[in-house]
Amino acid sequence: MTTSAANVLVIMLHGVGSSGSDLAPLAGVWRDRLPDAVFASPNAPSPSSFGSGYQWFSVAGVTEENRPARISEARASFDATILAIIEENGFSDRLDRVALVGFSQGTIMALDAVASGRWPVGAVVGFSGRLASPQPLKPSVSTKVLLVHGSADPVIPAAETAKAAAILQAVGVAVETLTLPGLGHTISAEGAERAADFMSDTLAK
C-alpha cells in the first residue's frame, strides 16, 4: 500500500526488551478490518538495559515512585520517533486518523502521549499496561481508548487497567476495557480481534 492511499495510520509500540518486529505481524491480522491503513512498528530509541531488544525507558531499579520521572525523561525521544512516522506517512494534519497501539511499556508510553495532551490521536489500544504518567494530566478527550489485559498477568497486574480506566474516565476520556480470563502477559487472538473491531469502529470514516 502506498501512503497516499492510506486513511489510517497505526503505530505499534513494543514492550521493554522487545523490538518493532515482534508486533509487526499484527498488521497482517488487522489489515482485513483496516484495508485503508498503513502500519508502522518502530524500535524504541534505546537498547534494553537487560541485554536484548530495545526500551522506551529503563526499568532497572524502577519503582512506583521513580517511574513517572522516567516516563517524563523518555518523552523527547518518544515524540521524535512518533513525529518522524507521522510526517513520513503524511498524517501531520490528520492526527484524528492515527492509532497508537501499545504492549506493556509501549502501552505506558501510548497512554502518556494522550494523558499529557501531547498527541491528540484518534485512538489508543493498550495491551497489558498501566497509566503511570506524571501529574497533572491534561488529556486529549477526543481520543478513544481501549485497554486489554489478561487476568493472570504476572508482570503488570490486570488491576492496573481498571485503575487506568478510572483515572482517565475521571478526566473526561472515553475508555473501554476488556479483561481476558486466565491470560498472561501477552496479546491473544481474542484481544487482537477486539482491537481490530475497536479501531475499525473508531476510525471508520
Protein backbone atom coordinates (compact mmCIF):
# COMPACT_ATOMS: atom_id res chain seq x y z
CA MET A 1 0.00 0.00 0.00
CA THR A 2 1.24 3.49 -0.73
CA THR A 3 0.90 6.13 1.94
CA SER A 4 -1.13 8.29 -0.47
CA ALA A 5 -3.88 5.67 -0.37
CA ALA A 6 -3.85 5.39 3.42
CA ASN A 7 -6.63 6.90 5.50
CA VAL A 8 -5.48 5.45 8.85
CA LEU A 9 -2.03 5.20 10.44
CA VAL A 10 -1.48 2.54 13.10
CA ILE A 11 1.74 2.88 15.11
CA MET A 12 2.62 -0.17 17.19
CA LEU A 13 4.73 0.31 20.32
CA HIS A 14 6.51 -2.73 21.73
CA GLY A 15 7.41 -3.61 25.31
CA VAL A 16 10.78 -3.42 27.06
CA GLY A 17 13.42 -5.85 25.78
CA SER A 18 11.47 -6.37 22.56
CA SER A 19 11.56 -4.78 19.12
CA GLY A 20 9.25 -3.46 16.46
CA SER A 21 9.46 -6.71 14.53
CA ASP A 22 7.71 -8.52 17.40
CA LEU A 23 4.48 -6.52 16.94
CA ALA A 24 4.70 -6.11 13.16
CA PRO A 25 2.75 -9.35 12.45
CA LEU A 26 -0.35 -7.71 13.93
CA ALA A 27 -0.58 -5.71 10.72
CA GLY A 28 -1.42 -8.91 8.88
CA VAL A 29 -4.11 -9.73 11.44
CA TRP A 30 -5.69 -6.29 11.20
CA ARG A 31 -5.34 -5.48 7.52
CA ASP A 32 -8.68 -7.03 6.52
CA ARG A 33 -10.52 -4.86 9.04
CA LEU A 34 -8.45 -1.77 8.25
CA PRO A 35 -7.87 -2.04 4.49
CA ASP A 36 -7.02 1.64 4.11
CA ALA A 37 -4.44 1.65 6.92
CA VAL A 38 -0.68 1.89 6.87
CA PHE A 39 1.16 0.22 9.74
CA ALA A 40 4.41 1.18 11.45
CA SER A 41 6.22 -0.77 14.16
CA PRO A 42 9.37 1.11 15.20
CA ASN A 43 12.08 0.08 17.59
CA ALA A 44 12.18 2.08 20.80
CA PRO A 45 15.07 4.57 20.85
CA SER A 46 17.33 2.93 23.46
CA PRO A 47 18.92 -0.51 23.76
CA SER A 48 17.39 -2.53 26.59
CA SER A 49 19.13 -2.38 29.96
CA PHE A 50 18.89 -6.15 30.07
CA GLY A 51 20.87 -7.15 27.02
CA SER A 52 18.50 -7.69 24.13
CA GLY A 53 15.93 -5.61 22.32
CA TYR A 54 15.01 -2.01 23.00
CA GLN A 55 13.26 0.12 25.60
CA TRP A 56 11.35 3.39 25.81
CA PHE A 57 12.82 3.89 29.29
CA SER A 58 14.93 1.81 31.64
CA VAL A 59 13.21 -0.47 34.14
CA ALA A 60 16.44 -1.19 36.01
CA GLY A 61 15.63 -0.28 39.59
CA VAL A 62 12.25 1.13 38.62
CA THR A 63 9.74 1.81 41.39
CA GLU A 64 6.27 3.27 41.66
CA GLU A 65 7.93 6.47 42.87
CA ASN A 66 10.51 6.94 40.12
CA ARG A 67 8.57 5.58 37.13
CA PRO A 68 6.78 8.88 36.34
CA ALA A 69 10.10 10.75 36.12
CA ARG A 70 11.46 8.11 33.75
CA ILE A 71 8.40 8.48 31.54
CA SER A 72 8.86 12.23 31.51
CA GLU A 73 12.52 11.83 30.54
CA ALA A 74 11.53 9.44 27.73
CA ARG A 75 9.07 11.86 26.13
CA ALA A 76 11.53 13.67 23.87
CA SER A 77 12.86 10.52 22.19
CA PHE A 78 9.37 9.00 22.04
CA ASP A 79 7.96 12.13 20.43
CA ALA A 80 10.78 12.23 17.89
CA THR A 81 10.02 8.64 16.90
CA ILE A 82 6.28 9.25 16.56
CA LEU A 83 6.73 12.56 14.73
CA ALA A 84 9.02 11.01 12.15
CA ILE A 85 6.49 8.27 11.37
CA ILE A 86 3.57 10.69 11.19
CA GLU A 87 5.42 13.07 8.90
CA GLU A 88 6.75 10.29 6.67
CA ASN A 89 3.24 8.96 6.13
CA GLY A 90 1.51 12.31 5.66
CA PHE A 91 -0.59 12.42 8.83
CA SER A 92 0.71 15.64 10.38
CA ASP A 93 -2.68 17.33 9.93
CA ARG A 94 -4.68 14.13 10.42
CA LEU A 95 -3.91 13.04 13.97
CA ASP A 96 -7.54 12.00 14.36
CA ARG A 97 -6.77 9.23 11.84
CA VAL A 98 -3.83 7.90 13.89
CA ALA A 99 -3.96 4.98 16.35
CA LEU A 100 -1.27 4.19 18.89
CA VAL A 101 -1.22 0.51 19.83
CA GLY A 102 0.99 -0.43 22.77
CA PHE A 103 2.02 -3.55 24.60
CA SER A 104 3.31 -3.36 28.19
CA GLN A 105 5.83 -0.47 28.26
CA GLY A 106 4.51 0.56 24.86
CA THR A 107 1.10 0.98 26.46
CA ILE A 108 2.60 3.12 29.21
CA MET A 109 4.06 5.44 26.58
CA ALA A 110 0.91 5.46 24.43
CA LEU A 111 -1.25 6.39 27.41
CA ASP A 112 1.22 9.06 28.43
CA ALA A 113 1.13 10.54 24.94
CA VAL A 114 -2.61 11.10 25.32
CA ALA A 115 -2.82 11.76 29.07
CA SER A 116 -0.25 14.55 28.78
CA GLY A 117 -2.12 16.12 25.86
CA ARG A 118 0.92 15.90 23.56
CA TRP A 119 -0.62 13.59 20.95
CA PRO A 120 -4.40 14.03 20.39
CA VAL A 121 -4.66 10.95 18.21
CA GLY A 122 -7.90 9.26 17.24
CA ALA A 123 -7.44 6.04 19.16
CA VAL A 124 -5.22 4.23 21.64
CA VAL A 125 -5.21 0.49 22.19
CA GLY A 126 -3.24 -0.66 25.20
CA PHE A 127 -2.42 -4.28 25.94
CA SER A 128 -1.10 -5.38 29.35
CA GLY A 129 -0.10 -1.90 30.51
CA ARG A 130 -0.61 0.78 33.11
CA LEU A 131 -1.04 4.53 33.42
CA ALA A 132 1.99 5.94 35.22
CA SER A 133 2.22 9.47 33.83
CA PRO A 134 3.35 12.43 35.91
CA GLN A 135 0.61 14.65 37.25
CA PRO A 136 -1.21 16.76 36.32
CA LEU A 137 -2.95 15.01 33.45
CA LYS A 138 -4.05 17.20 30.54
CA PRO A 139 -5.57 14.61 28.22
CA SER A 140 -7.00 14.87 24.78
CA VAL A 141 -10.61 13.99 25.46
CA SER A 142 -11.23 13.41 21.76
CA THR A 143 -9.12 10.23 21.88
CA LYS A 144 -10.94 6.92 22.35
CA VAL A 145 -9.10 4.30 24.41
CA LEU A 146 -9.34 0.51 24.62
CA LEU A 147 -7.41 -1.29 27.37
CA VAL A 148 -7.00 -5.07 27.19
CA HIS A 149 -5.44 -7.15 29.96
CA GLY A 150 -5.11 -10.79 30.97
CA SER A 151 -6.43 -11.67 34.41
CA ALA A 152 -3.37 -13.87 35.06
CA ASP A 153 -0.73 -11.32 34.01
CA PRO A 154 2.29 -11.86 36.33
CA VAL A 155 4.20 -8.81 35.07
CA ILE A 156 1.66 -5.97 35.23
CA PRO A 157 -1.47 -6.89 37.23
CA ALA A 158 -4.81 -6.57 35.47
CA ALA A 159 -5.87 -4.22 38.25
CA GLU A 160 -3.65 -1.60 36.59
CA THR A 161 -6.02 -1.49 33.62
CA ALA A 162 -9.02 -0.89 35.87
CA LYS A 163 -7.07 1.82 37.70
CA ALA A 164 -6.00 3.50 34.45
CA ALA A 165 -9.54 3.43 33.08
CA ALA A 166 -10.95 5.04 36.23
CA ILE A 167 -8.35 7.82 36.21
CA LEU A 168 -8.79 8.59 32.52
CA GLN A 169 -12.58 8.47 32.69
CA ALA A 170 -12.50 10.88 35.62
CA VAL A 171 -10.74 13.46 33.42
CA GLY A 172 -13.12 13.00 30.51
CA VAL A 173 -11.51 10.32 28.32
CA ALA A 174 -13.75 7.62 26.83
CA VAL A 175 -12.26 4.27 27.84
CA GLU A 176 -13.35 0.71 27.17
CA THR A 177 -11.75 -2.26 28.93
CA LEU A 178 -11.53 -5.98 28.26
CA THR A 179 -10.20 -8.45 30.82
CA LEU A 180 -9.39 -11.89 29.44
CA PRO A 181 -9.68 -14.72 32.00
CA GLY A 182 -6.54 -16.79 32.54
CA LEU A 183 -4.41 -14.84 30.07
CA GLY A 184 -0.85 -13.88 30.99
CA HIS A 185 1.38 -11.06 29.79
CA THR A 186 0.70 -11.37 26.09
CA ILE A 187 -1.62 -10.42 23.24
CA SER A 188 -4.15 -13.12 22.48
CA ALA A 189 -6.13 -13.72 19.30
CA GLU A 190 -9.27 -12.57 21.13
CA GLY A 191 -7.58 -9.39 22.27
CA ALA A 192 -6.26 -8.67 18.80
CA GLU A 193 -9.71 -9.19 17.29
CA ARG A 194 -11.31 -6.83 19.81
CA ALA A 195 -8.65 -4.26 18.95
CA ALA A 196 -9.46 -4.61 15.26
CA ASP A 197 -13.15 -4.02 15.95
CA PHE A 198 -12.36 -1.02 18.12
CA MET A 199 -10.04 0.65 15.61
CA SER A 200 -12.37 -0.04 12.73
CA ASP A 201 -15.34 1.45 14.60
CA THR A 202 -13.40 4.40 15.99
CA LEU A 203 -11.52 5.40 12.87
CA ALA A 204 -14.11 4.48 10.21
CA LYS A 205 -14.94 7.50 8.07
